[in-house]
Amino acid sequence: MNEARFLTLDEAAQLLAVSKQTIYGWTSGRRIPFRKVGRLLRFDRAELENWTRRGVVGKKNDLDQI
């Protein structure tokens, strides 16, 4: 079975080398791929890796949203 690896907020922040506040800003602006499980944020590792490959992380517009 091929299960997606879902990351917690802390794990996603560590993977992307940004603060949790940055992740919160990106999710509230719908700039980062995420899912909600109840009230918890979860991130598919493969989606985050694809997102970073597209060069989204670190763009000035994303950082200004925080």
PDB file of N, CA and C in Angstrom:
ATOM      1  N   MET A   1       0.853  -1.182   0.000  1.00  0.00           N
ATOM      2  CA  MET A   1       0.000   0.000   0.000  1.00  0.00           C
ATOM      3  C   MET A   1       0.894   1.238   0.000  1.00  0.00           C
ATOM      4  N   ASN A   2       0.524   2.245  -0.773  1.00  0.00           N
ATOM      5  CA  ASN A   2       1.313   3.456  -0.900  1.00  0.00           C
ATOM      6  C   ASN A   2       0.640   4.585  -0.131  1.00  0.00           C
ATOM      7  N   GLU A   3       1.018   4.764   1.141  1.00  0.00           N
ATOM      8  CA  GLU A   3       0.423   5.798   1.972  1.00  0.00           C
ATOM      9  C   GLU A   3       1.248   7.069   1.895  1.00  0.00           C
ATOM     10  N   ALA A   4       0.556   8.194   1.825  1.00  0.00           N
ATOM     11  CA  ALA A   4       1.244   9.481   1.830  1.00  0.00           C
ATOM     12  C   ALA A   4       1.818   9.730   3.216  1.00  0.00           C
ATOM     13  N   ARG A   5       2.922  10.395   3.278  1.00  0.00           N
ATOM     14  CA  ARG A   5       3.540  10.739   4.550  1.00  0.00           C
ATOM     15  C   ARG A   5       3.089  12.147   4.913  1.00  0.00           C
ATOM     16  N   PHE A   6       2.228  12.251   5.906  1.00  0.00           N
ATOM     17  CA  PHE A   6       1.740  13.552   6.332  1.00  0.00           C
ATOM     18  C   PHE A   6       2.578  14.072   7.484  1.00  0.00           C
ATOM     19  N   LEU A   7       2.945  15.339   7.374  1.00  0.00           N
ATOM     20  CA  LEU A   7       3.789  15.972   8.371  1.00  0.00           C
ATOM     21  C   LEU A   7       2.956  16.868   9.275  1.00  0.00           C
ATOM     22  N   THR A   8       3.419  17.022  10.503  1.00  0.00           N
ATOM     23  CA  THR A   8       2.814  17.985  11.425  1.00  0.00           C
ATOM     24  C   THR A   8       3.327  19.377  11.082  1.00  0.00           C
ATOM     25  N   LEU A   9       2.779  20.372  11.736  1.00  0.00           N
ATOM     26  CA  LEU A   9       3.230  21.744  11.548  1.00  0.00           C
ATOM     27  C   LEU A   9       4.720  21.866  11.877  1.00  0.00           C
ATOM     28  N   ASP A  10       5.133  21.309  12.991  1.00  0.00           N
ATOM     29  CA  ASP A  10       6.542  21.366  13.392  1.00  0.00           C
ATOM     30  C   ASP A  10       7.445  20.705  12.353  1.00  0.00           C
ATOM     31  N   GLU A  11       7.036  19.549  11.865  1.00  0.00           N
ATOM     32  CA  GLU A  11       7.847  18.828  10.875  1.00  0.00           C
ATOM     33  C   GLU A  11       7.932  19.600   9.560  1.00  0.00           C
ATOM     34  N   ALA A  12       6.818  20.199   9.145  1.00  0.00           N
ATOM     35  CA  ALA A  12       6.816  20.979   7.903  1.00  0.00           C
ATOM     36  C   ALA A  12       7.714  22.202   8.042  1.00  0.00           C
ATOM     37  N   ALA A  13       7.647  22.877   9.182  1.00  0.00           N
ATOM     38  CA  ALA A  13       8.497  24.042   9.414  1.00  0.00           C
ATOM     39  C   ALA A  13       9.969  23.649   9.385  1.00  0.00           C
ATOM     40  N   GLN A  14      10.283  22.521   9.992  1.00  0.00           N
ATOM     41  CA  GLN A  14      11.668  22.050   9.997  1.00  0.00           C
ATOM     42  C   GLN A  14      12.115  21.683   8.580  1.00  0.00           C
ATOM     43  N   LEU A  15      11.278  20.977   7.838  1.00  0.00           N
ATOM     44  CA  LEU A  15      11.610  20.588   6.467  1.00  0.00           C
ATOM     45  C   LEU A  15      11.891  21.809   5.590  1.00  0.00           C
ATOM     46  N   LEU A  16      11.073  22.849   5.753  1.00  0.00           N
ATOM     47  CA  LEU A  16      11.192  24.044   4.918  1.00  0.00           C
ATOM     48  C   LEU A  16      12.146  25.087   5.507  1.00  0.00           C
ATOM     49  N   ALA A  17      12.634  24.828   6.711  1.00  0.00           N
ATOM     50  CA  ALA A  17      13.568  25.740   7.400  1.00  0.00           C
ATOM     51  C   ALA A  17      12.962  27.132   7.576  1.00  0.00           C
ATOM     52  N   VAL A  18      11.706  27.146   8.030  1.00  0.00           N
ATOM     53  CA  VAL A  18      11.017  28.401   8.338  1.00  0.00           C
ATOM     54  C   VAL A  18      10.337  28.241   9.693  1.00  0.00           C
ATOM     55  N   SER A  19       9.842  29.339  10.231  1.00  0.00           N
ATOM     56  CA  SER A  19       9.162  29.280  11.522  1.00  0.00           C
ATOM     57  C   SER A  19       7.730  28.752  11.364  1.00  0.00           C
ATOM     58  N   LYS A  20       7.162  28.336  12.480  1.00  0.00           N
ATOM     59  CA  LYS A  20       5.764  27.909  12.464  1.00  0.00           C
ATOM     60  C   LYS A  20       4.863  29.085  12.092  1.00  0.00           C
ATOM     61  N   GLN A  21       5.241  30.300  12.505  1.00  0.00           N
ATOM     62  CA  GLN A  21       4.452  31.484  12.170  1.00  0.00           C
ATOM     63  C   GLN A  21       4.412  31.693  10.655  1.00  0.00           C
ATOM     64  N   THR A  22       5.523  31.415   9.994  1.00  0.00           N
ATOM     65  CA  THR A  22       5.567  31.526   8.535  1.00  0.00           C
ATOM     66  C   THR A  22       4.607  30.525   7.903  1.00  0.00           C
ATOM     67  N   ILE A  23       4.621  29.299   8.402  1.00  0.00           N
ATOM     68  CA  ILE A  23       3.699  28.272   7.889  1.00  0.00           C
ATOM     69  C   ILE A  23       2.253  28.712   8.098  1.00  0.00           C
ATOM     70  N   TYR A  24       1.938  29.238   9.289  1.00  0.00           N
ATOM     71  CA  TYR A  24       0.579  29.723   9.549  1.00  0.00           C
ATOM     72  C   TYR A  24       0.187  30.816   8.549  1.00  0.00           C
ATOM     73  N   GLY A  25       1.103  31.718   8.276  1.00  0.00           N
ATOM     74  CA  GLY A  25       0.818  32.782   7.303  1.00  0.00           C
ATOM     75  C   GLY A  25       0.549  32.226   5.923  1.00  0.00           C
ATOM     76  N   TRP A  26       1.361  31.258   5.513  1.00  0.00           N
ATOM     77  CA  TRP A  26       1.172  30.649   4.199  1.00  0.00           C
ATOM     78  C   TRP A  26      -0.142  29.890   4.113  1.00  0.00           C
ATOM     79  N   THR A  27      -0.513  29.171   5.187  1.00  0.00           N
ATOM     80  CA  THR A  27      -1.769  28.423   5.135  1.00  0.00           C
ATOM     81  C   THR A  27      -2.968  29.368   5.136  1.00  0.00           C
ATOM     82  N   SER A  28      -2.897  30.436   5.914  1.00  0.00           N
ATOM     83  CA  SER A  28      -4.039  31.356   5.938  1.00  0.00           C
ATOM     84  C   SER A  28      -4.219  32.046   4.595  1.00  0.00           C
ATOM     85  N   GLY A  29      -3.126  32.231   3.861  1.00  0.00           N
ATOM     86  CA  GLY A  29      -3.208  32.817   2.522  1.00  0.00           C
ATOM     87  C   GLY A  29      -3.353  31.778   1.425  1.00  0.00           C
ATOM     88  N   ARG A  30      -3.488  30.517   1.820  1.00  0.00           N
ATOM     89  CA  ARG A  30      -3.620  29.403   0.865  1.00  0.00           C
ATOM     90  C   ARG A  30      -2.451  29.364  -0.118  1.00  0.00           C
ATOM     91  N   ARG A  31      -1.257  29.666   0.358  1.00  0.00           N
ATOM     92  CA  ARG A  31      -0.069  29.689  -0.491  1.00  0.00           C
ATOM     93  C   ARG A  31       0.713  28.384  -0.452  1.00  0.00           C
ATOM     94  N   ILE A  32       0.409  27.522   0.484  1.00  0.00           N
ATOM     95  CA  ILE A  32       1.137  26.271   0.664  1.00  0.00           C
ATOM     96  C   ILE A  32       0.122  25.127   0.647  1.00  0.00           C
ATOM     97  N   PRO A  33       0.486  23.988   0.071  1.00  0.00           N
ATOM     98  CA  PRO A  33      -0.462  22.859   0.081  1.00  0.00           C
ATOM     99  C   PRO A  33      -0.585  22.274   1.487  1.00  0.00           C
ATOM    100  N   PHE A  34      -1.811  22.135   1.965  1.00  0.00           N
ATOM    101  CA  PHE A  34      -2.055  21.583   3.299  1.00  0.00           C
ATOM    102  C   PHE A  34      -3.439  20.972   3.368  1.00  0.00           C
ATOM    103  N   ARG A  35      -3.649  20.244   4.432  1.00  0.00           N
ATOM    104  CA  ARG A  35      -4.957  19.661   4.728  1.00  0.00           C
ATOM    105  C   ARG A  35      -5.268  19.925   6.186  1.00  0.00           C
ATOM    106  N   LYS A  36      -6.544  19.961   6.500  1.00  0.00           N
ATOM    107  CA  LYS A  36      -6.940  20.061   7.898  1.00  0.00           C
ATOM    108  C   LYS A  36      -7.558  18.730   8.309  1.00  0.00           C
ATOM    109  N   VAL A  37      -7.105  18.245   9.431  1.00  0.00           N
ATOM    110  CA  VAL A  37      -7.658  17.041  10.042  1.00  0.00           C
ATOM    111  C   VAL A  37      -8.252  17.520  11.362  1.00  0.00           C
ATOM    112  N   GLY A  38      -9.561  17.722  11.345  1.00  0.00           N
ATOM    113  CA  GLY A  38     -10.180  18.388  12.485  1.00  0.00           C
ATOM    114  C   GLY A  38      -9.673  19.818  12.514  1.00  0.00           C
ATOM    115  N   ARG A  39      -9.026  20.181  13.607  1.00  0.00           N
ATOM    116  CA  ARG A  39      -8.445  21.523  13.715  1.00  0.00           C
ATOM    117  C   ARG A  39      -6.940  21.523  13.459  1.00  0.00           C
ATOM    118  N   LEU A  40      -6.385  20.366  13.138  1.00  0.00           N
ATOM    119  CA  LEU A  40      -4.943  20.233  12.952  1.00  0.00           C
ATOM    120  C   LEU A  40      -4.542  20.422  11.496  1.00  0.00           C
ATOM    121  N   LEU A  41      -3.422  21.072  11.284  1.00  0.00           N
ATOM    122  CA  LEU A  41      -2.850  21.207   9.948  1.00  0.00           C
ATOM    123  C   LEU A  41      -1.955  20.016   9.671  1.00  0.00           C
ATOM    124  N   ARG A  42      -2.058  19.475   8.464  1.00  0.00           N
ATOM    125  CA  ARG A  42      -1.189  18.378   8.042  1.00  0.00           C
ATOM    126  C   ARG A  42      -0.703  18.681   6.629  1.00  0.00           C
ATOM    127  N   PHE A  43       0.514  18.221   6.346  1.00  0.00           N
ATOM    128  CA  PHE A  43       1.181  18.537   5.094  1.00  0.00           C
ATOM    129  C   PHE A  43       1.707  17.256   4.465  1.00  0.00           C
ATOM    130  N   ASP A  44       1.382  17.049   3.198  1.00  0.00           N
ATOM    131  CA  ASP A  44       1.887  15.898   2.458  1.00  0.00           C
ATOM    132  C   ASP A  44       3.329  16.203   2.052  1.00  0.00           C
ATOM    133  N   ARG A  45       4.244  15.372   2.491  1.00  0.00           N
ATOM    134  CA  ARG A  45       5.666  15.609   2.242  1.00  0.00           C
ATOM    135  C   ARG A  45       5.974  15.763   0.745  1.00  0.00           C
ATOM    136  N   ALA A  46       5.411  14.890  -0.085  1.00  0.00           N
ATOM    137  CA  ALA A  46       5.664  14.955  -1.531  1.00  0.00           C
ATOM    138  C   ALA A  46       5.147  16.272  -2.119  1.00  0.00           C
ATOM    139  N   GLU A  47       3.973  16.723  -1.679  1.00  0.00           N
ATOM    140  CA  GLU A  47       3.433  17.988  -2.167  1.00  0.00           C
ATOM    141  C   GLU A  47       4.325  19.156  -1.764  1.00  0.00           C
ATOM    142  N   LEU A  48       4.835  19.139  -0.532  1.00  0.00           N
ATOM    143  CA  LEU A  48       5.734  20.208  -0.092  1.00  0.00           C
ATOM    144  C   LEU A  48       7.028  20.207  -0.897  1.00  0.00           C
ATOM    145  N   GLU A  49       7.547  19.020  -1.161  1.00  0.00           N
ATOM    146  CA  GLU A  49       8.778  18.941  -1.944  1.00  0.00           C
ATOM    147  C   GLU A  49       8.561  19.466  -3.364  1.00  0.00           C
ATOM    148  N   ASN A  50       7.437  19.123  -3.972  1.00  0.00           N
ATOM    149  CA  ASN A  50       7.105  19.658  -5.305  1.00  0.00           C
ATOM    150  C   ASN A  50       6.921  21.172  -5.254  1.00  0.00           C
ATOM    151  N   TRP A  51       6.276  21.647  -4.219  1.00  0.00           N
ATOM    152  CA  TRP A  51       6.026  23.072  -4.029  1.00  0.00           C
ATOM    153  C   TRP A  51       7.352  23.830  -3.938  1.00  0.00           C
ATOM    154  N   THR A  52       8.316  23.279  -3.198  1.00  0.00           N
ATOM    155  CA  THR A  52       9.612  23.950  -3.076  1.00  0.00           C
ATOM    156  C   THR A  52      10.388  23.892  -4.394  1.00  0.00           C
ATOM    157  N   ARG A  53      10.263  22.795  -5.139  1.00  0.00           N
ATOM    158  CA  ARG A  53      10.945  22.692  -6.433  1.00  0.00           C
ATOM    159  C   ARG A  53      10.448  23.740  -7.420  1.00  0.00           C
ATOM    160  N   ARG A  54       9.187  24.115  -7.291  1.00  0.00           N
ATOM    161  CA  ARG A  54       8.630  25.142  -8.182  1.00  0.00           C
ATOM    162  C   ARG A  54       9.145  26.526  -7.803  1.00  0.00           C
ATOM    163  N   GLY A  55       9.895  26.618  -6.715  1.00  0.00           N
ATOM    164  CA  GLY A  55      10.511  27.877  -6.314  1.00  0.00           C
ATOM    165  C   GLY A  55       9.598  28.814  -5.567  1.00  0.00           C
ATOM    166  N   VAL A  56       8.591  28.283  -4.905  1.00  0.00           N
ATOM    167  CA  VAL A  56       7.635  29.123  -4.200  1.00  0.00           C
ATOM    168  C   VAL A  56       8.205  29.623  -2.881  1.00  0.00           C
ATOM    169  N   VAL A  57       8.929  28.797  -2.163  1.00  0.00           N
ATOM    170  CA  VAL A  57       9.456  29.166  -0.851  1.00  0.00           C
ATOM    171  C   VAL A  57      10.464  30.292  -1.004  1.00  0.00           C
ATOM    172  N   GLY A  58      10.328  31.289  -0.140  1.00  0.00           N
ATOM    173  CA  GLY A  58      11.291  32.373  -0.119  1.00  0.00           C
ATOM    174  C   GLY A  58      10.988  33.530  -1.046  1.00  0.00           C
ATOM    175  N   LYS A  59       9.924  33.437  -1.820  1.00  0.00           N
ATOM    176  CA  LYS A  59       9.569  34.574  -2.674  1.00  0.00           C
ATOM    177  C   LYS A  59       9.121  35.727  -1.779  1.00  0.00           C
ATOM    178  N   LYS A  60       9.487  36.919  -2.146  1.00  0.00           N
ATOM    179  CA  LYS A  60       9.188  38.097  -1.340  1.00  0.00           C
ATOM    180  C   LYS A  60       7.696  38.208  -1.018  1.00  0.00           C
ATOM    181  N   ASN A  61       6.820  37.955  -1.962  1.00  0.00           N
ATOM    182  CA  ASN A  61       5.384  38.071  -1.715  1.00  0.00           C
ATOM    183  C   ASN A  61       4.912  37.125  -0.636  1.00  0.00           C
ATOM    184  N   ASP A  62       5.461  35.937  -0.571  1.00  0.00           N
ATOM    185  CA  ASP A  62       5.080  34.982   0.459  1.00  0.00           C
ATOM    186  C   ASP A  62       5.525  35.470   1.823  1.00  0.00           C
ATOM    187  N   LEU A  63       6.719  35.991   1.923  1.00  0.00           N
ATOM    188  CA  LEU A  63       7.237  36.432   3.195  1.00  0.00           C
ATOM    189  C   LEU A  63       6.553  37.689   3.683  1.00  0.00           C
ATOM    190  N   ASP A  64       6.038  38.516   2.783  1.00  0.00           N
ATOM    191  CA  ASP A  64       5.344  39.729   3.176  1.00  0.00           C
ATOM    192  C   ASP A  64       3.996  39.435   3.819  1.00  0.00           C
ATOM    193  N   GLN A  65       3.481  38.242   3.646  1.00  0.00           N
ATOM    194  CA  GLN A  65       2.166  37.893   4.178  1.00  0.00           C
ATOM    195  C   GLN A  65       2.194  37.623   5.674  1.00  0.00           C
ATOM    196  N   ILE A  66       3.363  37.614   6.259  1.00  0.00           N
ATOM    197  CA  ILE A  66       3.480  37.228   7.675  1.00  0.00           C
ATOM    198  C   ILE A  66       3.423  38.444   8.556  1.00  0.00           C
TER     199      ILE A  66
END
